[in-house]
């Protein structure tokens, strides 16, 4: 039995350590350890609830808008405060654009290099690459000229003695299977995605005043003043620019991203049998379409044991089925509780107690959430499966399209069950991105139509009564279910807890010593070379970790850039 330690996992946000025991070329046991602590919940105690959103979005430099949204929703839920329709639409546009940006960046720039051998692209025939690309989609940058230009850029990188942004990949690894032509095509789209993701960020910047860390939110709505003529506020001209970027994103997502993921899935069809792990799936409804948060464009709910026929919906911000189901354990986390039992977030405590890494004891800064006592996977796969189970037509359409494309390329029928896997999480994220970009266009139309009716209201002033109020704000963020839980006492924050997607997925073992989704998904993963554990990275990256969000300081004395240790 060999122990492999990867510390930290790179191409993610934050500091994550993964340990695996390997025997016979397979993972037999795994540990997921969040390696940093922040304590944002402690910073919030005693503060004005209206300020929480500006502080909580500093939890992370990537997941910024999502914390801001969840925070204002939590306070609004505590006050039962309605939000004007224009504010809902503007918020929806921001979070949808953020999601599209996040999904594009994740596949191409954070995880594609786990599957794509960039140096192999030097051996490709650009003409054959272009012919393959043009047979798959109508993307205008799939021609011979573009493929030749990309190959020349790669040659210049190598000729200069360095690979630049492609340095330190596991090139030539035996688990790499793509042909030189497919590797060249994927590399070309990697570079093109660097430009296209900027379009989504521009939408967030226009509507949110800046990015990252938007400035336009307020408890009760948004600070965007709407006018048809003044250049200092949100105008028709700015909205038309937003529509143009939405159209460009739509083209890339449907003619490049969705196709590329299907192609990778077809070439790595064996990875549909790897990384299944936890199949309890949790997501929440989002994109509110009314002022009270009772009607949503995207459904949410819970699936137990992967059985989509037993989907149970979560209906709204005030749904008790959701609010009563969440607890967090610290049995294997570097925290202490006053009670020995898991705590509901309203009663949650943040009492750090670092003990060093103990494989059979405490080994992570992440807590361990459960839904009605069960471990749950969150994220795009959970979201897509729940929306598919709920009968959401756009989700069904793009899921069918993706699976049919994989089936055609792999020359074998691939069904929904294949999504319960490492490669399936990538496919689900691409499907979700297509759904998000469609919803972007719909929300833009809804906002413009509502303004056309003469409605320019964007804010309802909050009033804080005396005594105690509790509220939860949730958001189906790019990485999954994000929830903020606030207890307000006489207008000040008494308690605040964030239960975030990577807490659900990257958590250590829970009160029953059951592994979290990362740990469970790594079991039986193949390991071809313990010194280059590419397969571990594939499965972990498929979740898109954000440990900065999940743990809320680093060890300055023992800080290392990266360690891979096989014992």
Protein backbone atom coordinates (compact mmCIF):
# COMPACT_ATOMS: atom_id res chain seq x y z
CA UNK A 1 0.00 0.00 0.00
CA UNK A 2 1.47 3.37 -1.06
CA UNK A 3 0.38 6.76 0.26
CA UNK A 4 0.35 9.65 -2.25
CA UNK A 5 0.06 13.22 -0.98
CA UNK A 6 -0.66 16.09 -3.39
CA UNK A 7 -0.30 19.39 -1.56
CA UNK A 8 -1.64 21.69 -2.82
CA UNK A 9 -3.91 20.71 -5.70
CA UNK A 10 -3.29 23.36 -8.38
CA UNK A 11 -5.56 24.97 -10.99
CA UNK A 12 -8.20 25.56 -8.32
CA UNK A 13 -9.08 28.41 -5.94
CA UNK A 14 -7.58 28.07 -2.45
CA UNK A 15 -5.41 25.43 -0.78
CA UNK A 16 -6.49 21.80 -1.02
CA UNK A 17 -4.53 18.73 0.03
CA UNK A 18 -5.49 15.28 -1.23
CA UNK A 19 -4.08 12.04 0.22
CA UNK A 20 -4.77 8.64 -1.33
CA UNK A 21 -3.75 5.10 -0.46
CA UNK A 22 -2.99 3.14 -3.63
CA UNK A 23 -2.84 -0.62 -4.02
CA UNK A 24 -2.67 -2.56 -7.26
CA UNK A 25 -2.86 0.65 -9.30
CA UNK A 26 -6.17 1.70 -7.69
CA UNK A 27 -7.15 4.16 -4.97
CA UNK A 28 -8.33 2.32 -1.86
CA UNK A 29 -8.87 5.25 0.53
CA UNK A 30 -8.80 9.04 0.22
CA UNK A 31 -8.66 12.13 2.41
CA UNK A 32 -9.71 15.66 1.36
CA UNK A 33 -8.18 18.42 3.49
CA UNK A 34 -8.86 22.16 3.25
CA UNK A 35 -5.60 23.82 4.25
CA UNK A 36 -6.57 27.39 5.09
CA UNK A 37 -8.75 29.24 7.61
CA UNK A 38 -10.42 32.65 7.41
CA UNK A 39 -13.22 33.06 9.93
CA UNK A 40 -15.37 35.51 7.96
CA UNK A 41 -18.38 34.42 10.03
CA UNK A 42 -16.63 35.78 13.13
CA UNK A 43 -15.85 39.09 11.41
CA UNK A 44 -19.58 39.58 10.72
CA UNK A 45 -20.80 39.24 14.29
CA UNK A 46 -22.17 42.53 15.65
CA UNK A 47 -22.24 44.24 12.26
CA UNK A 48 -25.09 45.83 10.31
CA UNK A 49 -26.77 43.09 8.20
CA UNK A 50 -26.85 45.48 5.23
CA UNK A 51 -23.02 45.36 5.14
CA UNK A 52 -22.70 41.58 5.14
CA UNK A 53 -22.82 41.17 1.36
CA UNK A 54 -19.83 43.46 0.80
CA UNK A 55 -17.77 41.47 3.31
CA UNK A 56 -18.83 37.94 2.40
CA UNK A 57 -18.00 38.34 -1.28
CA UNK A 58 -14.39 38.86 -0.14
CA UNK A 59 -14.41 35.22 0.97
CA UNK A 60 -13.10 34.47 -2.51
CA UNK A 61 -11.61 36.30 -5.48
CA UNK A 62 -13.46 34.03 -7.93
CA UNK A 63 -16.84 33.32 -6.31
CA UNK A 64 -17.60 36.96 -5.58
CA UNK A 65 -21.04 37.76 -6.95
CA UNK A 66 -22.45 34.49 -5.63
CA UNK A 67 -21.70 35.33 -1.99
CA UNK A 68 -23.07 38.82 -2.45
CA UNK A 69 -26.33 37.41 -3.86
CA UNK A 70 -26.71 34.75 -1.15
CA UNK A 71 -26.03 37.31 1.56
CA UNK A 72 -28.63 39.90 0.50
CA UNK A 73 -31.13 37.08 0.01
CA UNK A 74 -30.48 35.85 3.56
CA UNK A 75 -31.21 39.23 5.09
CA UNK A 76 -34.23 39.76 2.83
CA UNK A 77 -35.51 36.33 3.85
CA UNK A 78 -35.14 37.22 7.53
CA UNK A 79 -37.14 40.43 6.97
CA UNK A 80 -39.55 38.85 4.43
CA UNK A 81 -38.64 41.79 2.20
CA UNK A 82 -39.81 41.86 -1.41
CA UNK A 83 -37.43 42.78 -4.23
CA UNK A 84 -38.55 44.84 -7.29
CA UNK A 85 -38.76 42.94 -10.57
CA UNK A 86 -36.08 45.06 -12.24
CA UNK A 87 -33.71 44.25 -9.38
CA UNK A 88 -34.42 40.53 -9.75
CA UNK A 89 -33.73 40.67 -13.49
CA UNK A 90 -30.49 42.63 -13.05
CA UNK A 91 -29.31 40.25 -10.33
CA UNK A 92 -30.24 37.30 -12.54
CA UNK A 93 -28.25 38.69 -15.47
CA UNK A 94 -25.20 39.14 -13.25
CA UNK A 95 -25.28 35.66 -11.76
CA UNK A 96 -26.01 34.02 -15.12
CA UNK A 97 -23.13 35.85 -16.81
CA UNK A 98 -20.88 34.93 -13.89
CA UNK A 99 -21.91 31.26 -14.24
CA UNK A 100 -21.21 31.20 -17.99
CA UNK A 101 -17.80 32.79 -17.39
CA UNK A 102 -17.01 30.34 -14.61
CA UNK A 103 -17.96 27.25 -16.61
CA UNK A 104 -15.96 28.27 -19.70
CA UNK A 105 -12.87 29.06 -17.62
CA UNK A 106 -13.20 25.85 -15.62
CA UNK A 107 -13.26 23.50 -18.58
CA UNK A 108 -10.68 25.16 -20.80
CA UNK A 109 -8.27 26.77 -18.37
CA UNK A 110 -8.55 24.76 -15.15
CA UNK A 111 -9.24 21.18 -16.22
CA UNK A 112 -8.82 20.61 -19.98
CA UNK A 113 -5.08 20.10 -19.57
CA UNK A 114 -5.88 16.96 -17.56
CA UNK A 115 -7.15 15.44 -20.81
CA UNK A 116 -5.32 17.36 -23.56
CA UNK A 117 -1.64 16.72 -24.33
CA UNK A 118 -0.55 20.11 -25.65
CA UNK A 119 2.89 18.98 -26.87
CA UNK A 120 1.22 16.25 -28.95
CA UNK A 121 -0.46 19.02 -30.97
CA UNK A 122 2.93 19.78 -32.54
CA UNK A 123 2.59 16.50 -34.49
CA UNK A 124 -0.88 17.31 -35.81
CA UNK A 125 -1.85 17.98 -39.41
CA UNK A 126 -3.61 21.40 -39.26
CA UNK A 127 -5.65 20.63 -42.38
CA UNK A 128 -7.00 17.42 -40.85
CA UNK A 129 -7.67 19.26 -37.59
CA UNK A 130 -9.68 21.91 -39.42
CA UNK A 131 -11.60 19.27 -41.35
CA UNK A 132 -12.49 17.49 -38.09
CA UNK A 133 -13.51 20.76 -36.42
CA UNK A 134 -15.69 21.85 -39.32
CA UNK A 135 -17.42 18.45 -39.35
CA UNK A 136 -18.42 18.96 -35.71
CA UNK A 137 -19.66 22.55 -35.69
CA UNK A 138 -20.04 25.82 -37.59
CA UNK A 139 -17.73 27.83 -35.29
CA UNK A 140 -16.10 30.50 -37.43
CA UNK A 141 -12.61 30.03 -35.97
CA UNK A 142 -12.29 26.34 -36.88
CA UNK A 143 -10.59 26.90 -40.25
CA UNK A 144 -7.17 25.83 -41.55
CA UNK A 145 -5.64 29.26 -41.04
CA UNK A 146 -6.52 29.31 -37.34
CA UNK A 147 -5.20 25.78 -36.73
CA UNK A 148 -1.92 26.52 -38.49
CA UNK A 149 -1.52 29.75 -36.52
CA UNK A 150 -2.06 27.97 -33.20
CA UNK A 151 0.47 25.29 -34.07
CA UNK A 152 3.02 27.98 -34.96
CA UNK A 153 2.46 29.65 -31.58
CA UNK A 154 3.12 26.31 -29.88
CA UNK A 155 6.30 25.82 -31.90
CA UNK A 156 7.49 29.26 -30.80
CA UNK A 157 6.81 28.37 -27.16
CA UNK A 158 8.83 25.17 -27.42
CA UNK A 159 11.53 26.76 -29.57
CA UNK A 160 12.02 29.43 -26.94
CA UNK A 161 12.74 26.79 -24.34
CA UNK A 162 9.50 27.15 -22.43
CA UNK A 163 5.81 26.35 -22.76
CA UNK A 164 4.58 29.49 -20.99
CA UNK A 165 1.01 28.92 -19.81
CA UNK A 166 1.38 25.20 -20.64
CA UNK A 167 4.42 24.61 -18.41
CA UNK A 168 4.41 21.71 -15.91
CA UNK A 169 1.72 19.58 -17.53
CA UNK A 170 1.94 15.80 -17.42
CA UNK A 171 2.70 15.66 -21.15
CA UNK A 172 3.16 12.17 -22.53
CA UNK A 173 1.39 10.59 -19.56
CA UNK A 174 0.05 7.10 -20.41
CA UNK A 175 -3.49 8.19 -19.48
CA UNK A 176 -3.51 10.77 -22.30
CA UNK A 177 -5.46 9.32 -25.26
CA UNK A 178 -6.35 12.12 -27.70
CA UNK A 179 -4.91 12.14 -31.22
CA UNK A 180 -2.54 14.98 -32.20
CA UNK A 181 -5.33 16.55 -34.31
CA UNK A 182 -7.82 16.57 -31.41
CA UNK A 183 -5.12 17.95 -29.10
CA UNK A 184 -4.45 20.78 -31.57
CA UNK A 185 -8.16 21.55 -31.84
CA UNK A 186 -8.55 21.63 -28.06
CA UNK A 187 -5.49 23.86 -27.71
CA UNK A 188 -6.91 26.28 -30.29
CA UNK A 189 -10.19 26.46 -28.38
CA UNK A 190 -8.28 26.92 -25.11
CA UNK A 191 -6.72 30.08 -26.54
CA UNK A 192 -9.99 31.29 -28.08
CA UNK A 193 -11.75 30.79 -24.75
CA UNK A 194 -9.33 33.26 -23.15
CA UNK A 195 -10.95 35.94 -25.30
CA UNK A 196 -14.57 34.81 -25.15
CA UNK A 197 -14.72 34.57 -21.35
CA UNK A 198 -14.06 38.33 -21.25
CA UNK A 199 -17.47 38.93 -22.84
CA UNK A 200 -19.23 37.41 -19.81
CA UNK A 201 -17.08 39.47 -17.46
CA UNK A 202 -18.04 42.63 -19.35
CA UNK A 203 -21.71 41.92 -18.63
CA UNK A 204 -20.98 41.58 -14.92
CA UNK A 205 -18.90 44.77 -14.99
CA UNK A 206 -21.58 46.86 -16.74
CA UNK A 207 -24.39 45.73 -14.44
CA UNK A 208 -22.38 45.30 -11.22
CA UNK A 209 -20.16 48.40 -11.57
CA UNK A 210 -16.98 46.30 -11.40
CA UNK A 211 -15.74 42.73 -11.32
CA UNK A 212 -14.64 40.94 -9.27
CA UNK A 213 -16.51 42.15 -6.18
CA UNK A 214 -19.57 43.87 -7.64
CA UNK A 215 -20.75 47.13 -6.08
CA UNK A 216 -24.39 47.45 -7.09
CA UNK A 217 -26.23 45.21 -4.61
CA UNK A 218 -28.31 46.33 -1.66
CA UNK A 219 -30.60 44.56 0.78
CA UNK A 220 -33.92 45.27 -0.94
CA UNK A 221 -32.72 45.40 -4.54
CA UNK A 222 -29.91 46.95 -6.54
CA UNK A 223 -28.33 50.39 -6.80
CA UNK A 224 -28.69 50.56 -10.60
CA UNK A 225 -30.70 53.60 -11.57
CA UNK A 226 -32.54 53.04 -14.87
CA UNK A 227 -33.00 55.72 -17.52
CA UNK A 228 -33.55 55.82 -21.27
CA UNK A 229 -31.40 58.90 -21.80
CA UNK A 230 -28.93 59.68 -18.98
CA UNK A 231 -25.44 58.34 -19.73
CA UNK A 232 -24.53 58.04 -16.03
CA UNK A 233 -26.94 55.19 -15.31
CA UNK A 234 -28.18 51.94 -16.88
CA UNK A 235 -29.29 52.99 -20.36
CA UNK A 236 -30.68 51.27 -23.42
CA UNK A 237 -27.28 51.73 -25.08
CA UNK A 238 -25.56 49.75 -22.32
CA UNK A 239 -28.28 47.09 -22.43
CA UNK A 240 -27.78 46.70 -26.19
CA UNK A 241 -24.05 46.16 -25.61
CA UNK A 242 -24.94 43.45 -23.09
CA UNK A 243 -27.17 41.76 -25.67
CA UNK A 244 -24.31 41.68 -28.17
CA UNK A 245 -22.03 39.91 -25.70
CA UNK A 246 -24.79 37.42 -24.86
CA UNK A 247 -25.03 36.51 -28.54
CA UNK A 248 -21.26 35.95 -28.77
CA UNK A 249 -21.31 33.75 -25.68
CA UNK A 250 -24.22 31.77 -27.09
CA UNK A 251 -22.26 31.03 -30.27
CA UNK A 252 -19.18 29.80 -28.38
CA UNK A 253 -21.02 27.74 -25.77
CA UNK A 254 -23.15 25.84 -28.28
CA UNK A 255 -20.69 25.51 -31.16
CA UNK A 256 -17.46 25.01 -29.23
CA UNK A 257 -17.79 24.22 -25.51
CA UNK A 258 -20.66 21.74 -25.71
CA UNK A 259 -19.05 19.99 -28.71
CA UNK A 260 -15.57 19.84 -27.18
CA UNK A 261 -16.82 18.29 -23.95
CA UNK A 262 -18.78 15.69 -25.91
CA UNK A 263 -15.68 14.88 -27.99
CA UNK A 264 -13.48 14.49 -24.91
CA UNK A 265 -16.19 12.34 -23.35
CA UNK A 266 -16.28 10.09 -26.41
CA UNK A 267 -12.49 9.61 -26.52
CA UNK A 268 -12.39 8.96 -22.76
CA UNK A 269 -15.52 6.83 -22.57
CA UNK A 270 -13.85 4.61 -19.95
CA UNK A 271 -13.98 7.58 -17.58
CA UNK A 272 -17.78 7.35 -17.50
CA UNK A 273 -17.11 4.41 -15.15
CA UNK A 274 -14.72 6.34 -12.89
CA UNK A 275 -15.49 8.84 -10.12
CA UNK A 276 -19.12 7.99 -9.39
CA UNK A 277 -18.91 8.47 -5.61
CA UNK A 278 -21.86 10.00 -3.76
CA UNK A 279 -25.12 9.88 -5.73
CA UNK A 280 -27.34 11.85 -3.37
CA UNK A 281 -27.78 15.07 -5.36
CA UNK A 282 -28.87 18.44 -3.95
CA UNK A 283 -29.61 21.70 -5.75
CA UNK A 284 -31.86 24.71 -5.15
CA UNK A 285 -34.22 26.62 -7.49
CA UNK A 286 -32.88 29.88 -8.86
CA UNK A 287 -33.51 32.82 -11.19
CA UNK A 288 -36.50 34.26 -9.29
CA UNK A 289 -39.21 35.64 -11.56
CA UNK A 290 -41.38 37.43 -8.99
CA UNK A 291 -40.82 39.92 -6.19
CA UNK A 292 -41.34 37.38 -3.38
CA UNK A 293 -39.03 34.59 -4.55
CA UNK A 294 -41.80 32.03 -5.00
CA UNK A 295 -41.49 31.50 -8.78
CA UNK A 296 -38.23 30.39 -10.39
CA UNK A 297 -37.10 29.87 -13.96
CA UNK A 298 -34.80 27.00 -12.92
CA UNK A 299 -36.08 24.22 -10.61
CA UNK A 300 -34.23 22.63 -7.71
CA UNK A 301 -34.58 19.71 -5.35
CA UNK A 302 -33.06 16.49 -4.03
CA UNK A 303 -32.35 13.08 -5.57
CA UNK A 304 -31.43 10.17 -3.30
CA UNK A 305 -29.21 7.29 -4.47
CA UNK A 306 -29.17 8.57 -8.05
CA UNK A 307 -32.81 7.64 -8.64
CA UNK A 308 -34.20 10.54 -10.67
CA UNK A 309 -37.71 9.06 -10.50
CA UNK A 310 -37.75 9.95 -6.78
CA UNK A 311 -36.83 13.60 -7.22
CA UNK A 312 -38.21 15.79 -4.42
CA UNK A 313 -38.55 19.52 -5.27
CA UNK A 314 -37.41 22.48 -3.22
CA UNK A 315 -39.97 25.16 -3.95
CA UNK A 316 -38.74 28.52 -2.67
CA UNK A 317 -36.80 30.64 -0.21
CA UNK A 318 -39.28 29.79 2.58
CA UNK A 319 -39.42 26.04 1.92
CA UNK A 320 -39.09 24.29 5.29
CA UNK A 321 -38.01 21.03 3.64
CA UNK A 322 -34.84 22.85 2.59
CA UNK A 323 -34.32 24.99 5.66
CA UNK A 324 -34.65 22.18 8.21
CA UNK A 325 -32.49 19.63 6.39
CA UNK A 326 -28.99 21.11 6.68
CA UNK A 327 -26.53 20.31 9.49
CA UNK A 328 -22.75 20.45 9.82
CA UNK A 329 -20.40 18.13 11.73
CA UNK A 330 -16.87 18.90 12.95
CA UNK A 331 -15.83 15.41 14.09
CA UNK A 332 -12.98 15.40 11.54
CA UNK A 333 -12.62 19.20 11.20
CA UNK A 334 -10.29 21.61 12.99
CA UNK A 335 -13.13 23.14 15.01
CA UNK A 336 -14.79 22.56 18.37
CA UNK A 337 -18.53 22.64 19.07
CA UNK A 338 -20.13 23.25 22.46
CA UNK A 339 -22.27 20.22 21.62
CA UNK A 340 -20.89 16.86 20.49
CA UNK A 341 -23.59 16.65 17.82
CA UNK A 342 -23.84 18.25 14.35
CA UNK A 343 -25.37 21.73 14.38
CA UNK A 344 -27.93 23.46 12.19
CA UNK A 345 -26.39 26.59 10.59
CA UNK A 346 -28.62 28.94 12.61
CA UNK A 347 -26.94 27.50 15.72
CA UNK A 348 -23.59 27.03 13.99
CA UNK A 349 -20.30 27.79 15.73
CA UNK A 350 -16.90 28.77 14.36
CA UNK A 351 -14.36 27.80 17.04
CA UNK A 352 -11.03 26.91 15.37
CA UNK A 353 -8.87 24.23 17.02
CA UNK A 354 -5.95 23.16 14.83
CA UNK A 355 -4.43 19.76 15.69
CA UNK A 356 -2.29 19.01 12.61
CA UNK A 357 -3.27 16.35 10.05
CA UNK A 358 -4.65 13.25 11.77
CA UNK A 359 -5.72 10.59 9.27
CA UNK A 360 -8.02 8.97 11.82
CA UNK A 361 -8.94 12.20 13.61
CA UNK A 362 -9.22 15.85 12.58
CA UNK A 363 -7.65 16.67 9.22
CA UNK A 364 -9.43 19.59 7.51
CA UNK A 365 -10.61 23.18 7.95
CA UNK A 366 -13.81 22.22 6.15
CA UNK A 367 -16.89 21.21 8.11
CA UNK A 368 -19.04 18.25 6.96
CA UNK A 369 -22.57 19.18 5.83
CA UNK A 370 -25.38 16.68 5.46
CA UNK A 371 -28.96 16.89 4.16
CA UNK A 372 -31.27 15.07 6.56
CA UNK A 373 -28.25 13.17 7.84
CA UNK A 374 -26.96 12.12 4.41
CA UNK A 375 -23.86 13.14 2.47
CA UNK A 376 -24.84 15.00 -0.70
CA UNK A 377 -23.06 15.95 -3.91
CA UNK A 378 -23.74 19.44 -5.23
CA UNK A 379 -22.67 21.22 -8.41
CA UNK A 380 -23.56 21.19 -12.11
CA UNK A 381 -24.15 17.42 -12.17
CA UNK A 382 -26.61 17.65 -9.26
CA UNK A 383 -28.21 20.70 -10.85
CA UNK A 384 -28.63 19.12 -14.28
CA UNK A 385 -29.96 15.81 -12.92
CA UNK A 386 -32.47 17.60 -10.69
CA UNK A 387 -33.66 19.89 -13.48
CA UNK A 388 -33.84 16.90 -15.83
CA UNK A 389 -35.90 15.01 -13.23
CA UNK A 390 -38.14 18.05 -12.78
CA UNK A 391 -38.94 18.01 -16.50
CA UNK A 392 -37.12 21.26 -17.34
CA UNK A 393 -37.25 21.21 -21.15
CA UNK A 394 -34.06 23.18 -21.97
CA UNK A 395 -32.06 20.91 -19.65
CA UNK A 396 -33.56 17.81 -21.25
CA UNK A 397 -32.81 19.21 -24.72
CA UNK A 398 -29.12 19.96 -24.10
CA UNK A 399 -28.57 16.78 -22.07
CA UNK A 400 -29.96 14.74 -24.96
CA UNK A 401 -27.86 16.70 -27.47
CA UNK A 402 -24.66 16.15 -25.47
CA UNK A 403 -25.28 12.43 -24.95
CA UNK A 404 -26.26 11.91 -28.59
CA UNK A 405 -23.05 13.65 -29.72
CA UNK A 406 -20.96 11.46 -27.42
CA UNK A 407 -22.80 8.36 -28.65
CA UNK A 408 -22.19 9.27 -32.30
CA UNK A 409 -18.47 9.93 -31.76
CA UNK A 410 -17.95 6.89 -29.53
CA UNK A 411 -20.07 4.70 -31.82
CA UNK A 412 -21.95 3.30 -28.82
CA UNK A 413 -25.07 4.40 -26.99
CA UNK A 414 -24.32 6.57 -23.96
CA UNK A 415 -27.20 7.28 -21.59
CA UNK A 416 -27.94 9.49 -18.58
CA UNK A 417 -26.34 6.99 -16.19
CA UNK A 418 -22.94 7.84 -17.71
CA UNK A 419 -23.22 11.28 -16.09
CA UNK A 420 -22.57 9.73 -12.66
CA UNK A 421 -18.82 9.96 -13.25
CA UNK A 422 -15.73 12.14 -13.52
CA UNK A 423 -16.28 12.89 -17.20
CA UNK A 424 -20.03 13.17 -16.57
CA UNK A 425 -19.48 16.15 -14.29
CA UNK A 426 -17.80 17.95 -17.20
CA UNK A 427 -20.66 17.07 -19.53
CA UNK A 428 -23.22 18.30 -17.01
CA UNK A 429 -21.35 21.59 -16.61
CA UNK A 430 -21.43 22.13 -20.38
CA UNK A 431 -25.15 21.33 -20.46
CA UNK A 432 -25.76 23.75 -17.60
CA UNK A 433 -23.74 26.43 -19.40
CA UNK A 434 -25.95 26.10 -22.47
CA UNK A 435 -29.03 26.43 -20.27
CA UNK A 436 -27.49 29.49 -18.57
CA UNK A 437 -26.71 31.29 -21.82
CA UNK A 438 -30.28 30.74 -23.05
CA UNK A 439 -31.55 32.09 -19.74
CA UNK A 440 -29.28 35.13 -20.11
CA UNK A 441 -31.10 36.11 -23.29
CA UNK A 442 -34.50 35.51 -21.66
CA UNK A 443 -33.65 37.64 -18.61
CA UNK A 444 -32.36 40.43 -20.85
CA UNK A 445 -35.68 40.40 -22.73
CA UNK A 446 -37.64 40.35 -19.46
CA UNK A 447 -35.73 43.38 -18.14
CA UNK A 448 -36.08 45.41 -21.35
CA UNK A 449 -39.79 44.52 -21.60
CA UNK A 450 -40.44 45.56 -18.01
CA UNK A 451 -38.60 48.87 -18.49
CA UNK A 452 -40.67 49.39 -21.64
CA UNK A 453 -43.80 49.24 -19.48
CA UNK A 454 -42.54 52.29 -17.58
CA UNK A 455 -41.27 50.42 -14.51
CA UNK A 456 -37.89 51.78 -13.38
CA UNK A 457 -38.01 50.78 -9.70
CA UNK A 458 -34.96 48.89 -8.41
CA UNK A 459 -35.05 49.13 -4.60
CA UNK A 460 -37.29 48.59 -1.56
CA UNK A 461 -35.97 50.06 1.70
CA UNK A 462 -35.48 47.45 4.47
CA UNK A 463 -36.84 47.99 7.98
CA UNK A 464 -35.31 46.10 10.91
CA UNK A 465 -37.78 45.36 13.71
CA UNK A 466 -36.71 44.85 17.31
CA UNK A 467 -36.01 41.36 18.56
CA UNK A 468 -34.58 38.38 16.68
CA UNK A 469 -35.07 37.37 13.05
CA UNK A 470 -33.53 34.42 11.18
CA UNK A 471 -33.13 34.03 7.45
CA UNK A 472 -31.42 31.87 4.85
CA UNK A 473 -30.37 33.00 1.41
CA UNK A 474 -29.47 30.39 -1.15
CA UNK A 475 -28.15 30.48 -4.68
CA UNK A 476 -27.37 27.71 -7.18
CA UNK A 477 -23.81 28.92 -7.79
CA UNK A 478 -21.50 27.57 -10.53
CA UNK A 479 -20.10 25.00 -8.09
CA UNK A 480 -23.47 24.13 -6.55
CA UNK A 481 -25.69 24.97 -3.59
CA UNK A 482 -24.51 28.07 -1.72
CA UNK A 483 -26.38 29.14 1.41
CA UNK A 484 -25.90 31.97 3.92
CA UNK A 485 -27.67 31.72 7.27
CA UNK A 486 -28.11 34.84 9.40
CA UNK A 487 -29.49 35.49 12.87
CA UNK A 488 -30.28 39.19 13.43
CA UNK A 489 -30.88 40.60 16.92
CA UNK A 490 -32.08 44.20 17.28
CA UNK A 491 -30.71 45.17 13.89
CA UNK A 492 -27.25 43.57 14.34
CA UNK A 493 -25.81 40.23 13.22
CA UNK A 494 -25.86 37.76 16.11
CA UNK A 495 -24.71 34.72 14.13
CA UNK A 496 -23.72 34.11 10.51
CA UNK A 497 -22.80 30.85 8.78
CA UNK A 498 -21.88 30.12 5.16
CA UNK A 499 -22.45 26.58 3.85
CA UNK A 500 -20.85 26.58 0.42
CA UNK A 501 -20.58 24.15 -2.51
CA UNK A 502 -17.00 23.07 -1.83
CA UNK A 503 -17.90 22.46 1.81
CA UNK A 504 -20.50 19.94 0.63
CA UNK A 505 -18.15 18.29 -1.89
CA UNK A 506 -14.67 18.61 -0.38
CA UNK A 507 -15.69 17.91 3.22
CA UNK A 508 -13.90 15.38 5.43
CA UNK A 509 -15.70 12.36 6.85
CA UNK A 510 -18.88 13.20 8.74
CA UNK A 511 -20.25 12.23 12.15
CA UNK A 512 -20.82 8.65 10.91
CA UNK A 513 -17.29 8.52 9.39
CA UNK A 514 -18.80 8.46 5.89
CA UNK A 515 -16.53 9.96 3.19
CA UNK A 516 -17.47 13.21 1.48
CA UNK A 517 -18.03 13.42 -2.31
CA UNK A 518 -14.36 14.08 -3.22
CA UNK A 519 -13.19 11.21 -1.05
CA UNK A 520 -15.89 8.81 -2.26
CA UNK A 521 -15.35 9.69 -5.94
CA UNK A 522 -11.63 8.87 -5.73
CA UNK A 523 -12.22 5.29 -4.58
CA UNK A 524 -11.09 2.79 -7.24
CA UNK A 525 -9.64 5.55 -9.46
CA UNK A 526 -6.80 4.14 -11.59
CA UNK A 527 -3.25 5.40 -10.93
CA UNK A 528 -0.81 4.65 -13.76
CA UNK A 529 2.18 6.49 -12.27
CA UNK A 530 2.29 7.37 -8.54
CA UNK A 531 4.85 10.11 -9.25
CA UNK A 532 2.41 11.74 -11.70
CA UNK A 533 -1.07 11.17 -10.22
CA UNK A 534 -2.92 12.72 -13.16
CA UNK A 535 -6.00 10.58 -12.56
CA UNK A 536 -6.49 12.05 -9.08
CA UNK A 537 -6.37 15.54 -10.56
CA UNK A 538 -8.93 14.59 -13.22
CA UNK A 539 -11.52 13.54 -10.67
CA UNK A 540 -10.88 16.38 -8.21
CA UNK A 541 -10.84 19.01 -10.96
CA UNK A 542 -14.18 17.70 -12.26
CA UNK A 543 -15.79 19.26 -9.15
CA UNK A 544 -14.10 22.68 -9.73
CA UNK A 545 -12.84 23.11 -6.13
CA UNK A 546 -13.00 26.46 -4.36
CA UNK A 547 -11.39 25.96 -0.99
CA UNK A 548 -11.20 29.69 -0.24
CA UNK A 549 -15.01 29.61 -0.10
CA UNK A 550 -15.20 26.35 1.79
CA UNK A 551 -13.03 27.13 4.80
CA UNK A 552 -13.52 30.78 5.17
CA UNK A 553 -4.14 32.12 6.86
CA UNK A 554 -1.75 30.03 5.63
CA UNK A 555 1.21 28.48 7.45
CA UNK A 556 3.83 31.10 6.58
CA UNK A 557 6.69 29.08 8.14
CA UNK A 558 6.07 25.92 6.11
CA UNK A 559 4.49 27.34 2.97
CA UNK A 560 5.44 25.33 -0.15
CA UNK A 561 4.49 25.90 -3.77
CA UNK A 562 3.65 22.25 -4.49
CA UNK A 563 4.47 18.82 -3.12
CA UNK A 564 3.69 15.45 -4.68
CA UNK A 565 4.96 12.69 -2.41
CA UNK A 566 4.65 8.99 -3.09
CA UNK A 567 5.69 6.78 -0.15
